[in-house]
């Protein structure tokens, strides 16, 4: 199978470790990924004025295309030449691989594409879907700080997590769903073991992976090298960011889904 027509997709709630996972996967010489594409994020049908408007005018999308080395004229041409999100995705992935000249298999890391996971499944029926998740208290705390993306209200931050879990909970029930689920906490606690298992699930040659680039608190280098990725356990700063009432609010609305993913009230675990 042509690997450029069968990418895998990393999805999940924002602030759940998708960027770290993408960077770790890029340590394999066969794998590469562009910046977040958002091809399956928006609800407007492909080819509609609404979809075209977002693709052509959204500043984040345009910035990501520039980081990928895709000039506006080329990006616009790919939109015009494609008749579906699948065609656009494949064209973009191939263009990215040609520009970077690294890897034969591309993958898409856009956490908010979780809103279009059913469409991804329909258009890429054999593609693997990697869902990475993280404890809601740490996700909400991160979204409330506004460091990486605009600061969110408490209700919005909670629903980023809840809606992602509701969607994936239904998707889990599909037969032959090609779903790989990964806890952020496992990734940052045991990155070498976790990455080895993940690459095996993806059908990649684990022996080609550069594990030496993964730096942890117990596996440090006296002189860090270019391309090293530092991975450390989640430090759970939620109590420094959220009030007691806010923590109660998060747990109230997230509790029905926390148990499904093995999460407990961190205050009880840490006491």
Protein backbone atom coordinates (compact mmCIF):
# COMPACT_ATOMS: atom_id res chain seq x y z
CA UNK A 1 0.00 0.00 0.00
CA UNK A 2 1.17 3.52 -0.84
CA UNK A 3 1.97 4.95 2.59
CA UNK A 4 1.22 8.49 1.43
CA UNK A 5 -2.45 7.58 0.87
CA UNK A 6 -2.87 5.84 4.22
CA UNK A 7 -1.67 8.16 7.02
CA UNK A 8 -2.49 7.60 10.65
CA UNK A 9 -4.16 10.28 12.76
CA UNK A 10 -3.41 11.55 16.27
CA UNK A 11 -6.50 13.01 17.93
CA UNK A 12 -7.67 13.92 21.42
CA UNK A 13 -8.44 16.83 23.67
CA UNK A 14 -6.07 19.76 23.33
CA UNK A 15 -3.28 19.98 25.96
CA UNK A 16 -3.15 16.19 26.21
CA UNK A 17 0.33 15.58 24.80
CA UNK A 18 -0.34 15.35 21.07
CA UNK A 19 2.61 17.62 20.23
CA UNK A 20 5.02 15.63 22.39
CA UNK A 21 3.79 12.41 20.78
CA UNK A 22 4.23 13.85 17.29
CA UNK A 23 7.78 14.95 18.08
CA UNK A 24 8.65 11.54 19.51
CA UNK A 25 7.25 9.76 16.45
CA UNK A 26 9.34 11.99 14.20
CA UNK A 27 12.44 10.36 15.68
CA UNK A 28 11.69 7.41 13.40
CA UNK A 29 13.27 7.98 9.95
CA UNK A 30 10.18 6.72 8.13
CA UNK A 31 7.72 9.05 9.86
CA UNK A 32 7.02 12.74 9.44
CA UNK A 33 4.12 15.06 10.13
CA UNK A 34 3.14 18.59 9.16
CA UNK A 35 1.78 21.14 11.60
CA UNK A 36 -1.87 20.81 12.59
CA UNK A 37 -4.00 20.78 9.43
CA UNK A 38 -7.56 21.08 10.82
CA UNK A 39 -8.87 19.35 7.67
CA UNK A 40 -11.46 17.43 9.71
CA UNK A 41 -12.07 20.02 12.42
CA UNK A 42 -14.78 22.11 10.78
CA UNK A 43 -18.39 21.02 10.23
CA UNK A 44 -19.00 22.69 6.88
CA UNK A 45 -19.09 20.29 3.88
CA UNK A 46 -15.98 20.16 1.73
CA UNK A 47 -16.30 22.52 -1.23
CA UNK A 48 -18.77 24.79 0.55
CA UNK A 49 -18.19 28.51 0.96
CA UNK A 50 -17.89 27.98 4.71
CA UNK A 51 -15.12 25.40 4.40
CA UNK A 52 -13.27 27.46 1.79
CA UNK A 53 -13.50 30.58 3.96
CA UNK A 54 -11.90 28.86 6.96
CA UNK A 55 -9.18 27.18 4.89
CA UNK A 56 -8.27 30.33 3.00
CA UNK A 57 -8.54 32.87 5.82
CA UNK A 58 -7.89 31.22 9.18
CA UNK A 59 -4.61 32.76 10.45
CA UNK A 60 -3.57 29.63 12.34
CA UNK A 61 -3.97 27.46 9.25
CA UNK A 62 -2.03 29.92 7.12
CA UNK A 63 0.74 30.08 9.73
CA UNK A 64 0.98 26.30 9.90
CA UNK A 65 1.20 26.08 6.11
CA UNK A 66 4.08 28.55 6.13
CA UNK A 67 5.88 26.47 8.78
CA UNK A 68 5.40 23.42 6.56
CA UNK A 69 6.96 25.29 3.64
CA UNK A 70 3.72 25.28 1.65
CA UNK A 71 3.35 28.63 -0.12
CA UNK A 72 -0.16 30.17 -0.26
CA UNK A 73 -0.50 29.63 -4.01
CA UNK A 74 0.24 25.91 -3.63
CA UNK A 75 -2.10 25.54 -0.66
CA UNK A 76 -4.91 27.27 -2.53
CA UNK A 77 -4.29 25.14 -5.63
CA UNK A 78 -4.53 21.92 -3.61
CA UNK A 79 -7.88 23.06 -2.25
CA UNK A 80 -9.18 23.78 -5.76
CA UNK A 81 -7.88 20.50 -7.20
CA UNK A 82 -9.42 18.32 -4.49
CA UNK A 83 -12.99 17.04 -4.34
CA UNK A 84 -12.94 15.82 -0.74
CA UNK A 85 -11.08 16.20 2.54
CA UNK A 86 -9.37 12.90 1.82
CA UNK A 87 -7.99 14.17 -1.49
CA UNK A 88 -6.84 17.41 0.14
CA UNK A 89 -5.19 15.50 3.00
CA UNK A 90 -3.28 13.18 0.66
CA UNK A 91 -2.16 16.04 -1.58
CA UNK A 92 -0.98 18.05 1.40
CA UNK A 93 0.82 15.12 3.00
CA UNK A 94 2.64 14.29 -0.21
CA UNK A 95 3.61 17.93 -0.75
CA UNK A 96 4.97 18.09 2.79
CA UNK A 97 7.06 14.94 2.33
CA UNK A 98 8.47 16.24 -0.95
CA UNK A 99 9.46 19.52 0.66
CA UNK A 100 11.08 18.00 3.74
CA UNK A 101 12.69 15.06 1.93
CA UNK A 102 12.38 13.03 5.10
CA UNK A 103 10.27 9.93 5.66
CA UNK A 104 7.97 7.96 3.38
CA UNK A 105 4.97 7.87 5.72
CA UNK A 106 3.23 11.00 6.91
CA UNK A 107 0.72 11.33 9.71
CA UNK A 108 -1.71 14.01 10.85
CA UNK A 109 -1.52 15.43 14.36
CA UNK A 110 -4.55 17.66 14.85
CA UNK A 111 -6.17 16.94 18.23
CA UNK A 112 -9.38 18.76 17.35
CA UNK A 113 -9.87 16.47 14.34
CA UNK A 114 -11.54 14.29 16.96
CA UNK A 115 -14.72 16.16 16.01
CA UNK A 116 -14.44 14.60 12.55
CA UNK A 117 -13.24 11.13 13.56
CA UNK A 118 -16.24 9.40 11.97
CA UNK A 119 -15.52 11.15 8.68
CA UNK A 120 -11.85 10.19 8.97
CA UNK A 121 -12.92 6.57 9.46
CA UNK A 122 -15.22 6.76 6.42
CA UNK A 123 -12.60 8.33 4.15
CA UNK A 124 -9.56 6.44 5.51
CA UNK A 125 -11.12 3.11 6.53
CA UNK A 126 -7.80 1.30 7.07
CA UNK A 127 -5.93 4.12 8.81
CA UNK A 128 -4.94 3.85 12.46
CA UNK A 129 -6.44 6.37 14.87
CA UNK A 130 -4.30 7.22 17.90
CA UNK A 131 -6.26 8.76 20.77
CA UNK A 132 -4.09 10.23 23.50
CA UNK A 133 -5.76 11.32 26.74
CA UNK A 134 -4.71 13.05 29.96
CA UNK A 135 -6.25 13.60 33.40
CA UNK A 136 -8.94 16.31 33.11
CA UNK A 137 -7.65 18.35 36.05
CA UNK A 138 -4.32 18.87 34.32
CA UNK A 139 -5.94 19.51 30.95
CA UNK A 140 -8.35 22.09 32.35
CA UNK A 141 -5.60 23.78 34.36
CA UNK A 142 -3.47 24.07 31.22
CA UNK A 143 -6.35 25.50 29.19
CA UNK A 144 -7.06 28.02 31.95
CA UNK A 145 -3.52 29.43 31.84
CA UNK A 146 -3.67 30.39 28.16
CA UNK A 147 0.03 29.76 27.54
CA UNK A 148 -0.21 27.84 24.26
CA UNK A 149 -3.72 28.71 23.11
CA UNK A 150 -6.11 31.48 24.20
CA UNK A 151 -7.21 31.25 27.82
CA UNK A 152 -10.50 29.38 28.14
CA UNK A 153 -13.39 29.83 30.55
CA UNK A 154 -13.87 27.05 33.07
CA UNK A 155 -16.93 25.73 31.24
CA UNK A 156 -15.13 25.76 27.89
CA UNK A 157 -12.05 24.07 29.32
CA UNK A 158 -14.15 21.30 30.86
CA UNK A 159 -16.06 20.73 27.64
CA UNK A 160 -12.88 20.46 25.59
CA UNK A 161 -12.19 17.32 27.64
CA UNK A 162 -15.75 16.04 28.09
CA UNK A 163 -16.72 16.33 24.42
CA UNK A 164 -13.53 14.56 23.32
CA UNK A 165 -14.28 11.70 25.72
CA UNK A 166 -17.92 11.51 24.66
CA UNK A 167 -16.95 11.27 21.00
CA UNK A 168 -14.24 8.66 21.49
CA UNK A 169 -16.52 6.71 23.82
CA UNK A 170 -18.96 6.22 20.96
CA UNK A 171 -16.19 5.62 18.42
CA UNK A 172 -14.79 2.85 20.64
CA UNK A 173 -17.95 0.84 20.03
CA UNK A 174 -17.39 0.57 16.28
CA UNK A 175 -16.17 -2.84 15.10
CA UNK A 176 -12.68 -2.88 13.61
CA UNK A 177 -12.19 0.76 14.62
CA UNK A 178 -8.37 0.69 14.19
CA UNK A 179 -8.16 2.64 17.46
CA UNK A 180 -4.98 2.85 19.52
CA UNK A 181 -5.46 4.50 22.92
CA UNK A 182 -2.60 5.99 24.87
CA UNK A 183 -2.47 7.72 28.24
CA UNK A 184 -0.27 10.81 28.42
CA UNK A 185 0.74 9.74 31.91
CA UNK A 186 2.11 6.44 30.55
CA UNK A 187 3.95 8.21 27.74
CA UNK A 188 5.81 10.62 30.03
CA UNK A 189 6.49 8.05 32.76
CA UNK A 190 7.83 5.30 30.48
CA UNK A 191 8.49 6.91 27.09
CA UNK A 192 10.92 4.31 25.77
CA UNK A 193 8.66 1.34 26.48
CA UNK A 194 5.56 3.20 25.30
CA UNK A 195 7.13 4.34 22.02
CA UNK A 196 8.43 0.86 21.28
CA UNK A 197 4.96 -0.62 21.73
CA UNK A 198 3.32 2.14 19.69
CA UNK A 199 5.71 1.79 16.76
CA UNK A 200 5.06 -1.94 16.75
CA UNK A 201 1.30 -1.29 16.60
CA UNK A 202 1.91 1.06 13.66
CA UNK A 203 3.90 -1.56 11.80
CA UNK A 204 7.16 0.38 11.87
CA UNK A 205 10.62 -1.14 12.31
CA UNK A 206 11.39 -0.41 15.96
CA UNK A 207 15.11 -1.06 15.42
CA UNK A 208 15.33 2.08 13.27
CA UNK A 209 13.99 4.34 16.02
CA UNK A 210 16.48 6.68 17.68
CA UNK A 211 15.78 6.00 21.35
CA UNK A 212 18.97 7.87 22.28
CA UNK A 213 17.15 11.15 21.59
CA UNK A 214 14.68 10.57 24.42
CA UNK A 215 16.01 12.26 27.55
CA UNK A 216 14.40 11.62 30.95
CA UNK A 217 15.24 12.59 34.55
CA UNK A 218 16.91 9.19 34.97
CA UNK A 219 18.53 9.15 31.52
CA UNK A 220 20.22 12.51 31.13
CA UNK A 221 23.12 13.60 28.94
CA UNK A 222 26.06 15.68 30.09
CA UNK A 223 25.91 17.52 26.77
CA UNK A 224 22.45 17.61 25.15
CA UNK A 225 22.40 17.26 21.38
CA UNK A 226 20.27 18.89 18.71
CA UNK A 227 17.01 17.01 18.35
CA UNK A 228 16.95 15.60 21.88
CA UNK A 229 13.47 15.48 23.42
CA UNK A 230 13.18 15.87 27.19
CA UNK A 231 10.34 13.87 28.71
CA UNK A 232 9.35 14.08 32.37
CA UNK A 233 6.34 12.83 34.39
CA UNK A 234 3.27 15.07 34.61
CA UNK A 235 3.78 17.45 37.53
CA UNK A 236 0.09 18.08 38.26
CA UNK A 237 0.09 21.85 38.76
CA UNK A 238 -3.71 22.05 38.80
CA UNK A 239 -3.83 23.03 42.50
CA UNK A 240 -1.69 26.09 41.74
CA UNK A 241 -4.11 27.20 39.00
CA UNK A 242 -7.61 26.05 39.98
CA UNK A 243 -9.54 26.98 43.12
CA UNK A 244 -11.13 24.30 45.28
CA UNK A 245 -14.56 25.15 43.84
CA UNK A 246 -13.21 24.94 40.30
CA UNK A 247 -11.68 21.54 41.01
CA UNK A 248 -15.05 20.35 42.32
CA UNK A 249 -16.71 21.67 39.15
CA UNK A 250 -14.24 19.84 36.90
CA UNK A 251 -14.68 16.56 38.75
CA UNK A 252 -18.47 16.87 38.79
CA UNK A 253 -18.76 17.09 35.01
CA UNK A 254 -15.82 14.86 34.08
CA UNK A 255 -16.49 12.04 36.57
CA UNK A 256 -18.74 9.96 34.26
CA UNK A 257 -15.88 9.62 31.77
CA UNK A 258 -12.90 9.55 34.14
CA UNK A 259 -13.62 6.00 35.28
CA UNK A 260 -13.72 4.77 31.68
CA UNK A 261 -10.13 5.92 31.22
CA UNK A 262 -8.83 4.91 34.65
CA UNK A 263 -8.67 8.39 36.17
CA UNK A 264 -9.40 9.19 39.81
CA UNK A 265 -9.61 12.34 41.92
CA UNK A 266 -5.94 13.35 42.09
CA UNK A 267 -6.45 14.88 45.52
CA UNK A 268 -7.24 11.42 46.87
CA UNK A 269 -4.31 9.83 45.02
CA UNK A 270 -1.81 12.47 46.16
CA UNK A 271 -2.92 12.60 49.82
